[in-house]
N, C-alpha and C. Protein backbone atom coordinates (compact mmCIF):
# COMPACT_ATOMS: atom_id res chain seq x y z
N MET A 1 -149.96 -52.41 -47.62
CA MET A 1 -150.60 -51.63 -48.64
C MET A 1 -151.48 -52.49 -49.59
N ILE A 2 -152.58 -51.98 -49.97
CA ILE A 2 -153.42 -52.71 -50.88
C ILE A 2 -153.13 -52.06 -52.25
N ASP A 3 -152.95 -52.90 -53.19
CA ASP A 3 -152.60 -52.37 -54.59
C ASP A 3 -153.72 -52.95 -55.54
N ILE A 4 -154.51 -52.12 -56.18
CA ILE A 4 -155.56 -52.42 -57.08
C ILE A 4 -155.11 -51.90 -58.41
N ASP A 5 -155.06 -52.70 -59.40
CA ASP A 5 -154.60 -52.27 -60.69
C ASP A 5 -155.79 -52.03 -61.61
N VAL A 6 -155.99 -50.75 -62.16
CA VAL A 6 -157.07 -50.47 -63.05
C VAL A 6 -156.53 -50.08 -64.39
N ARG A 7 -157.07 -50.67 -65.40
CA ARG A 7 -156.54 -50.43 -66.74
C ARG A 7 -157.64 -49.66 -67.62
N CYS A 8 -157.25 -48.87 -68.53
CA CYS A 8 -158.11 -48.19 -69.34
C CYS A 8 -158.29 -48.88 -70.76
N GLU A 9 -159.55 -49.01 -71.22
CA GLU A 9 -159.76 -49.61 -72.54
C GLU A 9 -159.90 -48.58 -73.64
N GLY A 10 -160.16 -47.27 -73.31
CA GLY A 10 -160.29 -46.25 -74.33
C GLY A 10 -159.04 -45.62 -74.92
N ALA A 11 -157.93 -46.48 -74.93
CA ALA A 11 -156.64 -45.93 -75.26
C ALA A 11 -156.49 -45.47 -76.72
N ALA A 12 -157.08 -45.99 -77.68
CA ALA A 12 -156.99 -45.45 -79.04
C ALA A 12 -157.41 -44.08 -79.19
N LEU A 13 -158.63 -43.85 -78.62
CA LEU A 13 -159.13 -42.46 -78.65
C LEU A 13 -158.32 -41.53 -77.91
N LEU A 14 -157.86 -42.01 -76.75
CA LEU A 14 -156.93 -41.17 -75.99
C LEU A 14 -155.67 -40.86 -76.62
N ILE A 15 -155.07 -41.77 -77.34
CA ILE A 15 -153.81 -41.51 -78.07
C ILE A 15 -154.06 -40.43 -79.20
N GLN A 16 -155.23 -40.60 -79.85
CA GLN A 16 -155.58 -39.61 -80.97
C GLN A 16 -155.73 -38.16 -80.27
N THR A 17 -156.40 -38.15 -79.13
CA THR A 17 -156.55 -36.84 -78.42
C THR A 17 -155.21 -36.22 -77.95
N LEU A 18 -154.29 -37.16 -77.55
CA LEU A 18 -153.01 -36.75 -77.10
C LEU A 18 -152.28 -36.10 -78.11
N THR A 19 -152.29 -36.56 -79.39
CA THR A 19 -151.58 -35.88 -80.44
C THR A 19 -152.25 -34.62 -80.90
N ASP A 20 -153.54 -34.54 -80.77
CA ASP A 20 -154.26 -33.30 -81.17
C ASP A 20 -154.12 -32.25 -80.15
N ALA A 21 -154.40 -32.56 -78.92
CA ALA A 21 -154.38 -31.62 -77.82
C ALA A 21 -153.93 -32.28 -76.47
N PRO A 22 -152.55 -32.31 -76.33
CA PRO A 22 -152.17 -33.02 -75.16
C PRO A 22 -152.61 -32.49 -73.72
N GLU A 23 -152.82 -31.27 -73.54
CA GLU A 23 -153.11 -30.63 -72.36
C GLU A 23 -154.57 -31.02 -72.10
N LYS A 24 -155.44 -30.97 -73.12
CA LYS A 24 -156.79 -31.32 -72.92
C LYS A 24 -156.96 -32.81 -72.49
N ALA A 25 -156.09 -33.68 -73.12
CA ALA A 25 -156.17 -35.16 -72.79
C ALA A 25 -155.71 -35.39 -71.36
N LYS A 26 -154.64 -34.68 -70.91
CA LYS A 26 -154.29 -34.84 -69.53
C LYS A 26 -155.33 -34.39 -68.59
N ARG A 27 -156.03 -33.34 -68.91
CA ARG A 27 -157.03 -32.83 -68.02
C ARG A 27 -158.19 -33.90 -68.00
N VAL A 28 -158.62 -34.41 -69.16
CA VAL A 28 -159.63 -35.39 -69.19
C VAL A 28 -159.29 -36.63 -68.32
N VAL A 29 -158.12 -37.11 -68.51
CA VAL A 29 -157.63 -38.29 -67.67
C VAL A 29 -157.67 -37.95 -66.17
N SER A 30 -157.15 -36.75 -65.85
CA SER A 30 -157.03 -36.28 -64.50
C SER A 30 -158.46 -36.23 -63.85
N MET A 31 -159.41 -35.64 -64.58
CA MET A 31 -160.75 -35.44 -64.08
C MET A 31 -161.41 -36.83 -63.97
N SER A 32 -161.22 -37.77 -64.82
CA SER A 32 -161.88 -38.99 -64.80
C SER A 32 -161.29 -39.82 -63.58
N VAL A 33 -160.00 -39.85 -63.43
CA VAL A 33 -159.38 -40.62 -62.37
C VAL A 33 -159.77 -40.11 -61.09
N ASN A 34 -159.85 -38.81 -60.93
CA ASN A 34 -160.16 -38.24 -59.61
C ASN A 34 -161.72 -38.54 -59.26
N LYS A 35 -162.45 -38.38 -60.24
CA LYS A 35 -164.00 -38.83 -60.01
C LYS A 35 -164.05 -40.18 -59.49
N ILE A 36 -163.43 -41.06 -60.22
CA ILE A 36 -163.53 -42.54 -59.96
C ILE A 36 -162.88 -42.73 -58.60
N ALA A 37 -161.78 -42.13 -58.23
CA ALA A 37 -161.14 -42.35 -56.89
C ALA A 37 -162.12 -41.93 -55.83
N ARG A 38 -162.84 -40.84 -55.94
CA ARG A 38 -163.79 -40.32 -54.93
C ARG A 38 -164.93 -41.35 -54.80
N SER A 39 -165.42 -41.89 -55.92
CA SER A 39 -166.42 -42.90 -55.79
C SER A 39 -166.02 -44.27 -55.27
N ALA A 40 -164.77 -44.53 -55.57
CA ALA A 40 -164.10 -45.80 -55.16
C ALA A 40 -163.95 -45.82 -53.55
N ARG A 41 -163.76 -44.57 -53.08
CA ARG A 41 -163.56 -44.48 -51.61
C ARG A 41 -165.02 -44.86 -50.92
N THR A 42 -166.02 -44.41 -51.48
CA THR A 42 -167.32 -44.71 -50.98
C THR A 42 -167.73 -46.28 -51.19
N GLN A 43 -167.27 -46.68 -52.39
CA GLN A 43 -167.61 -48.15 -52.64
C GLN A 43 -166.69 -49.01 -51.76
N MET A 44 -165.50 -48.70 -51.47
CA MET A 44 -164.79 -49.53 -50.49
C MET A 44 -165.40 -49.47 -49.13
N ALA A 45 -165.96 -48.42 -48.73
CA ALA A 45 -166.64 -48.43 -47.33
C ALA A 45 -167.87 -49.31 -47.40
N ARG A 46 -168.63 -49.08 -48.63
CA ARG A 46 -169.75 -50.00 -48.70
C ARG A 46 -169.53 -51.57 -48.75
N GLU A 47 -168.39 -51.89 -49.36
CA GLU A 47 -167.94 -53.27 -49.47
C GLU A 47 -167.56 -53.81 -48.09
N ALA A 48 -166.88 -52.93 -47.30
CA ALA A 48 -166.58 -53.39 -45.89
C ALA A 48 -167.78 -53.64 -45.13
N ASN A 49 -168.80 -52.72 -45.36
CA ASN A 49 -170.00 -52.86 -44.59
C ASN A 49 -170.80 -53.98 -44.96
N LYS A 50 -170.71 -54.49 -46.27
CA LYS A 50 -171.38 -55.76 -46.68
C LYS A 50 -170.89 -57.01 -45.89
N ARG A 51 -169.60 -56.98 -45.65
CA ARG A 51 -168.97 -58.08 -45.09
C ARG A 51 -168.71 -58.03 -43.45
N TYR A 52 -168.74 -56.84 -43.01
CA TYR A 52 -168.44 -56.68 -41.54
C TYR A 52 -169.50 -55.81 -40.87
N PHE A 53 -169.69 -55.91 -39.61
CA PHE A 53 -170.62 -55.05 -38.89
C PHE A 53 -169.90 -53.68 -38.57
N VAL A 54 -169.67 -52.89 -39.68
CA VAL A 54 -169.01 -51.61 -39.41
C VAL A 54 -169.85 -50.67 -40.28
N LYS A 55 -169.92 -49.43 -39.69
CA LYS A 55 -170.79 -48.38 -40.37
C LYS A 55 -170.03 -47.82 -41.59
N VAL A 56 -170.85 -47.49 -42.67
CA VAL A 56 -170.21 -47.10 -43.89
C VAL A 56 -169.31 -45.65 -43.62
N GLY A 57 -169.97 -44.77 -42.84
CA GLY A 57 -169.27 -43.61 -42.57
C GLY A 57 -168.00 -43.72 -41.78
N GLU A 58 -168.06 -44.80 -40.89
CA GLU A 58 -166.96 -45.01 -39.99
C GLU A 58 -165.74 -45.66 -40.86
N ALA A 59 -166.13 -46.45 -41.84
CA ALA A 59 -165.13 -46.96 -42.68
C ALA A 59 -164.59 -45.90 -43.74
N ARG A 60 -165.45 -45.14 -44.16
CA ARG A 60 -165.02 -44.05 -45.21
C ARG A 60 -164.23 -43.04 -44.57
N ASP A 61 -164.35 -42.75 -43.37
CA ASP A 61 -163.50 -41.71 -42.63
C ASP A 61 -162.05 -42.22 -42.60
N THR A 62 -161.81 -43.43 -42.69
CA THR A 62 -160.41 -43.87 -42.62
C THR A 62 -159.68 -43.84 -43.96
N ILE A 63 -160.39 -43.68 -45.05
CA ILE A 63 -159.87 -43.81 -46.35
C ILE A 63 -159.56 -42.37 -46.82
N TYR A 64 -158.30 -42.21 -47.33
CA TYR A 64 -157.91 -40.88 -47.82
C TYR A 64 -157.55 -40.92 -49.37
N VAL A 65 -157.91 -39.84 -50.08
CA VAL A 65 -157.71 -39.94 -51.47
C VAL A 65 -156.61 -38.85 -51.83
N LYS A 66 -155.61 -39.26 -52.61
CA LYS A 66 -154.62 -38.51 -53.18
C LYS A 66 -154.83 -38.40 -54.58
N THR A 67 -155.30 -37.12 -55.02
CA THR A 67 -155.79 -37.02 -56.41
C THR A 67 -154.70 -36.95 -57.45
N ALA A 68 -155.07 -37.14 -58.69
CA ALA A 68 -154.24 -36.97 -59.91
C ALA A 68 -154.19 -35.48 -60.24
N HIS A 69 -153.06 -35.13 -60.78
CA HIS A 69 -153.01 -33.72 -61.22
C HIS A 69 -151.70 -33.58 -62.01
N GLY A 70 -151.75 -32.66 -63.02
CA GLY A 70 -150.52 -32.33 -63.88
C GLY A 70 -150.11 -33.56 -64.56
N ASP A 71 -148.81 -33.87 -64.56
CA ASP A 71 -148.28 -35.02 -65.19
C ASP A 71 -148.55 -36.38 -64.42
N ASN A 72 -148.81 -36.31 -63.10
CA ASN A 72 -149.05 -37.47 -62.29
C ASN A 72 -150.54 -37.83 -62.55
N LEU A 73 -150.83 -38.82 -63.42
CA LEU A 73 -152.15 -39.12 -63.73
C LEU A 73 -152.55 -40.39 -62.99
N LYS A 74 -152.28 -40.53 -61.67
CA LYS A 74 -152.77 -41.55 -61.02
C LYS A 74 -153.34 -41.01 -59.62
N ALA A 75 -154.27 -41.74 -59.03
CA ALA A 75 -154.88 -41.35 -57.77
C ALA A 75 -154.55 -42.50 -56.75
N GLU A 76 -154.35 -42.15 -55.56
CA GLU A 76 -154.07 -43.14 -54.60
C GLU A 76 -155.05 -43.15 -53.43
N LEU A 77 -155.61 -44.26 -53.03
CA LEU A 77 -156.47 -44.46 -51.93
C LEU A 77 -155.72 -45.10 -50.80
N THR A 78 -155.69 -44.49 -49.60
CA THR A 78 -154.97 -45.03 -48.55
C THR A 78 -155.96 -45.12 -47.34
N SER A 79 -155.98 -46.31 -46.70
CA SER A 79 -156.82 -46.46 -45.52
C SER A 79 -155.83 -46.52 -44.28
N ARG A 80 -156.04 -45.64 -43.33
CA ARG A 80 -155.32 -45.62 -42.05
C ARG A 80 -156.19 -45.64 -40.90
N GLY A 81 -155.99 -46.47 -39.97
CA GLY A 81 -156.83 -46.59 -38.76
C GLY A 81 -156.36 -47.57 -37.79
N TYR A 82 -156.94 -47.54 -36.61
CA TYR A 82 -156.61 -48.38 -35.52
C TYR A 82 -157.69 -49.41 -35.44
N PRO A 83 -157.45 -50.46 -34.56
CA PRO A 83 -158.48 -51.40 -34.32
C PRO A 83 -159.68 -50.78 -33.67
N ILE A 84 -160.82 -51.29 -34.05
CA ILE A 84 -162.12 -50.64 -33.55
C ILE A 84 -162.61 -51.43 -32.39
N SER A 85 -163.16 -50.73 -31.42
CA SER A 85 -163.62 -51.21 -30.17
C SER A 85 -164.73 -52.30 -30.53
N LEU A 86 -164.61 -53.44 -29.79
CA LEU A 86 -165.59 -54.48 -30.06
C LEU A 86 -167.03 -54.09 -29.83
N ALA A 87 -167.27 -53.06 -29.00
CA ALA A 87 -168.59 -52.44 -28.74
C ALA A 87 -169.14 -51.87 -29.99
N HIS A 88 -168.36 -51.48 -31.00
CA HIS A 88 -168.88 -50.90 -32.23
C HIS A 88 -169.40 -51.98 -33.23
N PHE A 89 -169.14 -53.24 -32.96
CA PHE A 89 -169.60 -54.28 -33.80
C PHE A 89 -171.03 -54.85 -33.15
N LYS A 90 -171.41 -56.02 -33.62
CA LYS A 90 -172.74 -56.54 -33.10
C LYS A 90 -172.29 -57.37 -31.76
N VAL A 91 -172.77 -56.77 -30.72
CA VAL A 91 -172.46 -57.35 -29.38
C VAL A 91 -173.93 -57.43 -28.68
N SER A 92 -174.08 -58.60 -28.09
CA SER A 92 -175.24 -58.89 -27.31
C SER A 92 -174.89 -59.33 -25.90
N PRO A 93 -175.48 -58.85 -24.91
CA PRO A 93 -176.39 -57.65 -24.80
C PRO A 93 -175.48 -56.39 -24.99
N LYS A 94 -176.16 -55.26 -25.45
CA LYS A 94 -175.45 -53.93 -25.58
C LYS A 94 -175.28 -53.23 -24.32
N LYS A 95 -176.16 -53.29 -23.47
CA LYS A 95 -176.28 -52.33 -22.18
C LYS A 95 -175.26 -52.94 -21.20
N VAL A 96 -174.94 -51.96 -20.23
CA VAL A 96 -174.13 -52.31 -19.13
C VAL A 96 -174.82 -53.27 -18.11
N GLN A 97 -174.18 -54.30 -17.75
CA GLN A 97 -174.84 -55.20 -16.80
C GLN A 97 -174.32 -54.97 -15.43
N HIS A 98 -175.10 -54.73 -14.36
CA HIS A 98 -174.67 -54.33 -13.08
C HIS A 98 -174.41 -55.55 -12.30
N LYS A 99 -173.54 -55.28 -11.38
CA LYS A 99 -173.17 -56.37 -10.37
C LYS A 99 -174.33 -56.77 -9.53
N GLY A 100 -174.46 -58.08 -9.33
CA GLY A 100 -175.61 -58.56 -8.42
C GLY A 100 -176.66 -59.20 -9.35
N ARG A 101 -176.76 -58.80 -10.51
CA ARG A 101 -177.77 -59.48 -11.33
C ARG A 101 -177.21 -60.67 -11.98
N LYS A 102 -178.06 -61.53 -12.41
CA LYS A 102 -177.47 -62.76 -13.16
C LYS A 102 -177.21 -62.28 -14.58
N ASN A 103 -175.95 -62.09 -14.83
CA ASN A 103 -175.45 -61.50 -16.14
C ASN A 103 -175.43 -62.54 -17.16
N LYS A 104 -175.78 -62.09 -18.37
CA LYS A 104 -175.64 -62.99 -19.55
C LYS A 104 -174.19 -62.90 -20.02
N LYS A 105 -173.83 -64.05 -20.74
CA LYS A 105 -172.56 -63.97 -21.40
C LYS A 105 -172.60 -63.12 -22.66
N ILE A 106 -171.42 -62.52 -22.91
CA ILE A 106 -171.31 -61.61 -24.01
C ILE A 106 -171.09 -62.41 -25.36
N ARG A 107 -171.93 -62.03 -26.35
CA ARG A 107 -171.79 -62.76 -27.58
C ARG A 107 -171.39 -61.60 -28.65
N ALA A 108 -170.31 -61.79 -29.31
CA ALA A 108 -169.83 -60.75 -30.32
C ALA A 108 -169.68 -61.37 -31.74
N ARG A 109 -170.17 -60.55 -32.72
CA ARG A 109 -170.02 -60.84 -34.13
C ARG A 109 -169.34 -59.74 -34.85
N VAL A 110 -168.25 -60.06 -35.68
CA VAL A 110 -167.54 -59.02 -36.33
C VAL A 110 -167.80 -59.09 -37.86
N LYS A 111 -167.89 -60.32 -38.38
CA LYS A 111 -168.25 -60.52 -39.79
C LYS A 111 -169.74 -60.88 -39.92
N ARG A 112 -170.36 -60.52 -40.89
CA ARG A 112 -171.70 -60.70 -41.17
C ARG A 112 -172.09 -62.17 -41.42
N ASN A 113 -171.16 -62.84 -42.18
CA ASN A 113 -171.45 -64.23 -42.37
C ASN A 113 -170.71 -65.24 -41.41
N GLY A 114 -170.21 -64.66 -40.40
CA GLY A 114 -169.50 -65.48 -39.45
C GLY A 114 -170.46 -65.93 -38.27
N GLY A 115 -170.12 -66.86 -37.52
CA GLY A 115 -171.05 -67.37 -36.46
C GLY A 115 -170.87 -66.45 -35.11
N GLY A 116 -169.70 -65.92 -34.95
CA GLY A 116 -169.54 -64.95 -33.73
C GLY A 116 -168.85 -65.80 -32.76
N ALA A 117 -168.71 -65.28 -31.57
CA ALA A 117 -168.03 -66.06 -30.39
C ALA A 117 -168.77 -65.54 -29.18
N THR A 118 -168.77 -66.49 -28.23
CA THR A 118 -169.18 -66.23 -26.80
C THR A 118 -167.98 -65.96 -25.98
N LEU A 119 -168.03 -64.72 -25.39
CA LEU A 119 -166.87 -64.39 -24.56
C LEU A 119 -167.23 -64.67 -23.03
N ASP A 120 -166.73 -65.74 -22.52
CA ASP A 120 -167.10 -66.08 -21.20
C ASP A 120 -166.70 -65.18 -20.14
N GLN A 121 -165.36 -64.56 -20.23
CA GLN A 121 -164.99 -63.68 -19.08
C GLN A 121 -165.26 -62.20 -19.38
N ALA A 122 -165.90 -61.92 -20.52
CA ALA A 122 -166.04 -60.45 -20.85
C ALA A 122 -167.23 -59.83 -20.19
N PHE A 123 -167.19 -58.60 -20.01
CA PHE A 123 -168.29 -57.77 -19.52
C PHE A 123 -168.39 -56.40 -20.21
N ILE A 124 -169.56 -55.78 -20.18
CA ILE A 124 -169.69 -54.40 -20.75
C ILE A 124 -169.80 -53.47 -19.58
N THR A 125 -169.04 -52.31 -19.74
CA THR A 125 -169.07 -51.36 -18.69
C THR A 125 -168.84 -49.96 -19.35
N ALA A 126 -169.12 -49.06 -18.70
CA ALA A 126 -168.95 -47.65 -19.21
C ALA A 126 -167.61 -47.05 -18.43
N ILE A 127 -166.61 -46.83 -19.20
CA ILE A 127 -165.51 -46.20 -18.70
C ILE A 127 -165.09 -45.01 -19.53
N GLY A 128 -164.94 -43.88 -18.83
CA GLY A 128 -164.74 -42.65 -19.60
C GLY A 128 -165.91 -42.22 -20.30
N SER A 129 -165.86 -41.90 -21.65
CA SER A 129 -166.94 -41.34 -22.43
C SER A 129 -167.69 -42.37 -23.26
N GLY A 130 -167.47 -43.64 -23.07
CA GLY A 130 -168.21 -44.57 -23.87
C GLY A 130 -168.29 -45.99 -23.09
N VAL A 131 -169.11 -46.79 -23.83
CA VAL A 131 -169.27 -48.14 -23.33
C VAL A 131 -168.38 -49.02 -24.09
N GLY A 132 -167.73 -49.98 -23.46
CA GLY A 132 -166.87 -50.93 -24.09
C GLY A 132 -166.90 -52.31 -23.52
N VAL A 133 -166.39 -53.27 -24.31
CA VAL A 133 -166.33 -54.58 -23.82
C VAL A 133 -165.01 -54.81 -23.30
N PHE A 134 -164.96 -55.39 -22.04
CA PHE A 134 -163.71 -55.49 -21.25
C PHE A 134 -163.53 -57.00 -20.73
N GLU A 135 -162.35 -57.22 -20.42
CA GLU A 135 -162.01 -58.61 -19.93
C GLU A 135 -160.98 -58.50 -18.80
N ARG A 136 -161.11 -59.29 -17.79
CA ARG A 136 -160.17 -59.26 -16.64
C ARG A 136 -158.89 -60.06 -16.94
N ASP A 137 -157.81 -59.58 -16.42
CA ASP A 137 -156.58 -60.37 -16.61
C ASP A 137 -156.51 -61.13 -15.24
N GLY A 138 -156.86 -62.42 -15.35
CA GLY A 138 -156.83 -63.29 -14.15
C GLY A 138 -158.01 -63.23 -13.35
N ARG A 139 -157.98 -63.61 -12.12
CA ARG A 139 -159.24 -63.64 -11.21
C ARG A 139 -159.37 -62.34 -10.32
N ALA A 140 -158.29 -61.57 -10.30
CA ALA A 140 -158.39 -60.33 -9.46
C ALA A 140 -159.24 -59.29 -10.12
N ARG A 141 -159.73 -58.35 -9.32
CA ARG A 141 -160.65 -57.30 -9.88
C ARG A 141 -159.89 -56.47 -10.88
N LYS A 142 -158.77 -56.22 -10.66
CA LYS A 142 -158.03 -55.35 -11.65
C LYS A 142 -156.74 -56.09 -11.90
N PRO A 143 -156.06 -55.96 -13.07
CA PRO A 143 -156.36 -55.06 -14.20
C PRO A 143 -157.44 -55.71 -15.09
N ILE A 144 -157.99 -54.76 -15.96
CA ILE A 144 -158.94 -55.18 -17.04
C ILE A 144 -158.37 -54.57 -18.23
N HIS A 145 -158.68 -55.17 -19.39
CA HIS A 145 -158.33 -54.59 -20.75
C HIS A 145 -159.52 -54.61 -21.70
N LYS A 146 -159.47 -53.56 -22.54
CA LYS A 146 -160.57 -53.44 -23.55
C LYS A 146 -160.29 -54.40 -24.74
N LEU A 147 -161.46 -54.94 -25.23
CA LEU A 147 -161.36 -55.88 -26.42
C LEU A 147 -161.62 -55.11 -27.66
N PHE A 148 -160.95 -55.47 -28.72
CA PHE A 148 -160.96 -54.76 -29.96
C PHE A 148 -161.25 -55.81 -31.15
N GLY A 149 -161.89 -55.17 -32.22
CA GLY A 149 -162.03 -56.00 -33.42
C GLY A 149 -160.96 -55.56 -34.40
N PRO A 150 -161.05 -55.88 -35.69
CA PRO A 150 -160.18 -55.58 -36.66
C PRO A 150 -160.21 -54.02 -36.93
N SER A 151 -159.15 -53.50 -37.66
CA SER A 151 -159.18 -52.18 -38.11
C SER A 151 -159.81 -52.10 -39.50
N VAL A 152 -160.19 -51.04 -39.96
CA VAL A 152 -160.77 -50.95 -41.40
C VAL A 152 -159.80 -51.21 -42.37
N PRO A 153 -158.49 -50.80 -42.26
CA PRO A 153 -157.54 -51.26 -43.28
C PRO A 153 -157.39 -52.74 -43.47
N SER A 154 -157.44 -53.40 -42.26
CA SER A 154 -157.28 -54.92 -42.42
C SER A 154 -158.59 -55.55 -43.01
N MET A 155 -159.72 -54.85 -42.75
CA MET A 155 -160.87 -55.36 -43.50
C MET A 155 -160.88 -55.26 -44.91
N LEU A 156 -160.20 -54.02 -45.40
CA LEU A 156 -160.18 -53.82 -46.85
C LEU A 156 -159.10 -54.70 -47.55
N LYS A 157 -158.28 -55.42 -46.76
CA LYS A 157 -157.35 -56.33 -47.33
C LYS A 157 -158.04 -57.64 -47.75
N ASN A 158 -159.24 -57.72 -47.37
CA ASN A 158 -160.01 -58.94 -47.79
C ASN A 158 -159.99 -59.21 -49.22
N GLU A 159 -159.65 -60.39 -49.67
CA GLU A 159 -159.54 -60.64 -51.14
C GLU A 159 -160.83 -60.40 -51.87
N GLU A 160 -162.02 -60.75 -51.38
CA GLU A 160 -163.21 -60.51 -52.08
C GLU A 160 -163.46 -58.95 -52.31
N ILE A 161 -163.17 -58.21 -51.27
CA ILE A 161 -163.35 -56.75 -51.42
C ILE A 161 -162.42 -56.16 -52.49
N GLN A 162 -161.17 -56.65 -52.58
CA GLN A 162 -160.22 -56.23 -53.61
C GLN A 162 -160.69 -56.52 -54.93
N GLN A 163 -161.13 -57.85 -55.23
CA GLN A 163 -161.54 -58.26 -56.48
C GLN A 163 -162.78 -57.40 -56.99
N GLU A 164 -163.74 -57.30 -56.05
CA GLU A 164 -164.89 -56.47 -56.34
C GLU A 164 -164.52 -54.96 -56.71
N MET A 165 -163.62 -54.42 -56.00
CA MET A 165 -163.28 -53.12 -56.29
C MET A 165 -162.52 -52.93 -57.56
N GLU A 166 -161.63 -53.75 -57.93
CA GLU A 166 -160.90 -53.86 -59.20
C GLU A 166 -161.83 -53.85 -60.33
N LYS A 167 -162.87 -54.71 -60.22
CA LYS A 167 -163.80 -54.96 -61.27
C LYS A 167 -164.63 -53.74 -61.56
N THR A 168 -165.23 -53.25 -60.48
CA THR A 168 -166.21 -52.08 -60.67
C THR A 168 -165.46 -50.78 -60.93
N THR A 169 -164.26 -50.61 -60.37
CA THR A 169 -163.47 -49.39 -60.65
C THR A 169 -163.02 -49.37 -62.15
N THR A 170 -162.67 -50.55 -62.63
CA THR A 170 -162.21 -50.59 -64.08
C THR A 170 -163.38 -50.19 -65.03
N GLU A 171 -164.58 -50.80 -64.71
CA GLU A 171 -165.77 -50.46 -65.47
C GLU A 171 -166.08 -48.96 -65.54
N LYS A 172 -166.15 -48.46 -64.26
CA LYS A 172 -166.52 -47.02 -64.07
C LYS A 172 -165.56 -46.13 -64.72
N LEU A 173 -164.24 -46.43 -64.64
CA LEU A 173 -163.23 -45.62 -65.16
C LEU A 173 -163.31 -45.55 -66.73
N ASN A 174 -163.47 -46.64 -67.29
CA ASN A 174 -163.74 -46.73 -68.83
C ASN A 174 -164.77 -45.86 -69.27
N LYS A 175 -166.00 -46.03 -68.52
CA LYS A 175 -167.19 -45.27 -68.88
C LYS A 175 -167.03 -43.81 -68.70
N GLU A 176 -166.38 -43.42 -67.58
CA GLU A 176 -166.17 -42.01 -67.29
C GLU A 176 -165.10 -41.39 -68.23
N LEU A 177 -164.13 -42.12 -68.58
CA LEU A 177 -163.07 -41.63 -69.55
C LEU A 177 -163.74 -41.35 -70.88
N ASN A 178 -164.55 -42.36 -71.41
CA ASN A 178 -165.18 -42.18 -72.75
C ASN A 178 -166.19 -41.02 -72.63
N ARG A 179 -166.90 -40.84 -71.54
CA ARG A 179 -167.75 -39.74 -71.41
C ARG A 179 -167.04 -38.40 -71.45
N GLN A 180 -165.98 -38.20 -70.77
CA GLN A 180 -165.23 -37.13 -70.75
C GLN A 180 -164.61 -36.72 -72.14
N LEU A 181 -163.98 -37.71 -72.71
CA LEU A 181 -163.44 -37.62 -74.05
C LEU A 181 -164.55 -37.00 -75.10
N ALA A 182 -165.73 -37.63 -74.96
CA ALA A 182 -166.69 -37.26 -75.86
C ALA A 182 -167.14 -35.82 -75.63
N ARG A 183 -167.17 -35.41 -74.39
CA ARG A 183 -167.51 -34.06 -73.95
C ARG A 183 -166.46 -33.07 -74.44
N ILE A 184 -165.17 -33.41 -74.35
CA ILE A 184 -164.12 -32.55 -74.78
C ILE A 184 -163.99 -32.46 -76.26
N MET A 185 -164.17 -33.52 -77.03
CA MET A 185 -164.09 -33.57 -78.51
C MET A 185 -165.27 -32.92 -79.00
N GLY A 186 -166.43 -32.79 -78.32
CA GLY A 186 -167.63 -32.08 -78.91
C GLY A 186 -167.50 -30.59 -78.87
N LYS A 187 -166.54 -30.04 -77.97
CA LYS A 187 -166.48 -28.68 -77.79
C LYS A 187 -165.67 -28.09 -79.03
């Protein structure tokens, strides 16, 4: 599990509001935390896309938000998923190579700043409903097994992504909390 700690800097104004109208303050905090949690979900997917060859939507679909409500004033972001097929990353050549032609060796890159790897024994073929990168077990025709890259949750465990998320989420939460407090106090 990834744990990102976000602290609020507008505590003095929040304490004053809590004594004046505790229900309003809880609602303000809850609304602010939920808004930032939803934006953090998208931001996490974008950060994964910056560092890995994964689509933003594909990464975002694995992240679930448990919102803040009532007395529980915290939101949780959880990423659940399986390893992604290597064909979803940057693979060259992309098309199925047919038997009898001089086939090129498969080159795969998972990270954007990485050099990638040449897979000598791998080949691309269509099995079932999609195209995948496969490798033979030994010299015999069968069995073959599909090759996979990392899962989105393991991508999000990257230290750089966690630091970036903590920094941006803290800034956004403080801004949003101050905006919501000013809005409620103005009424």
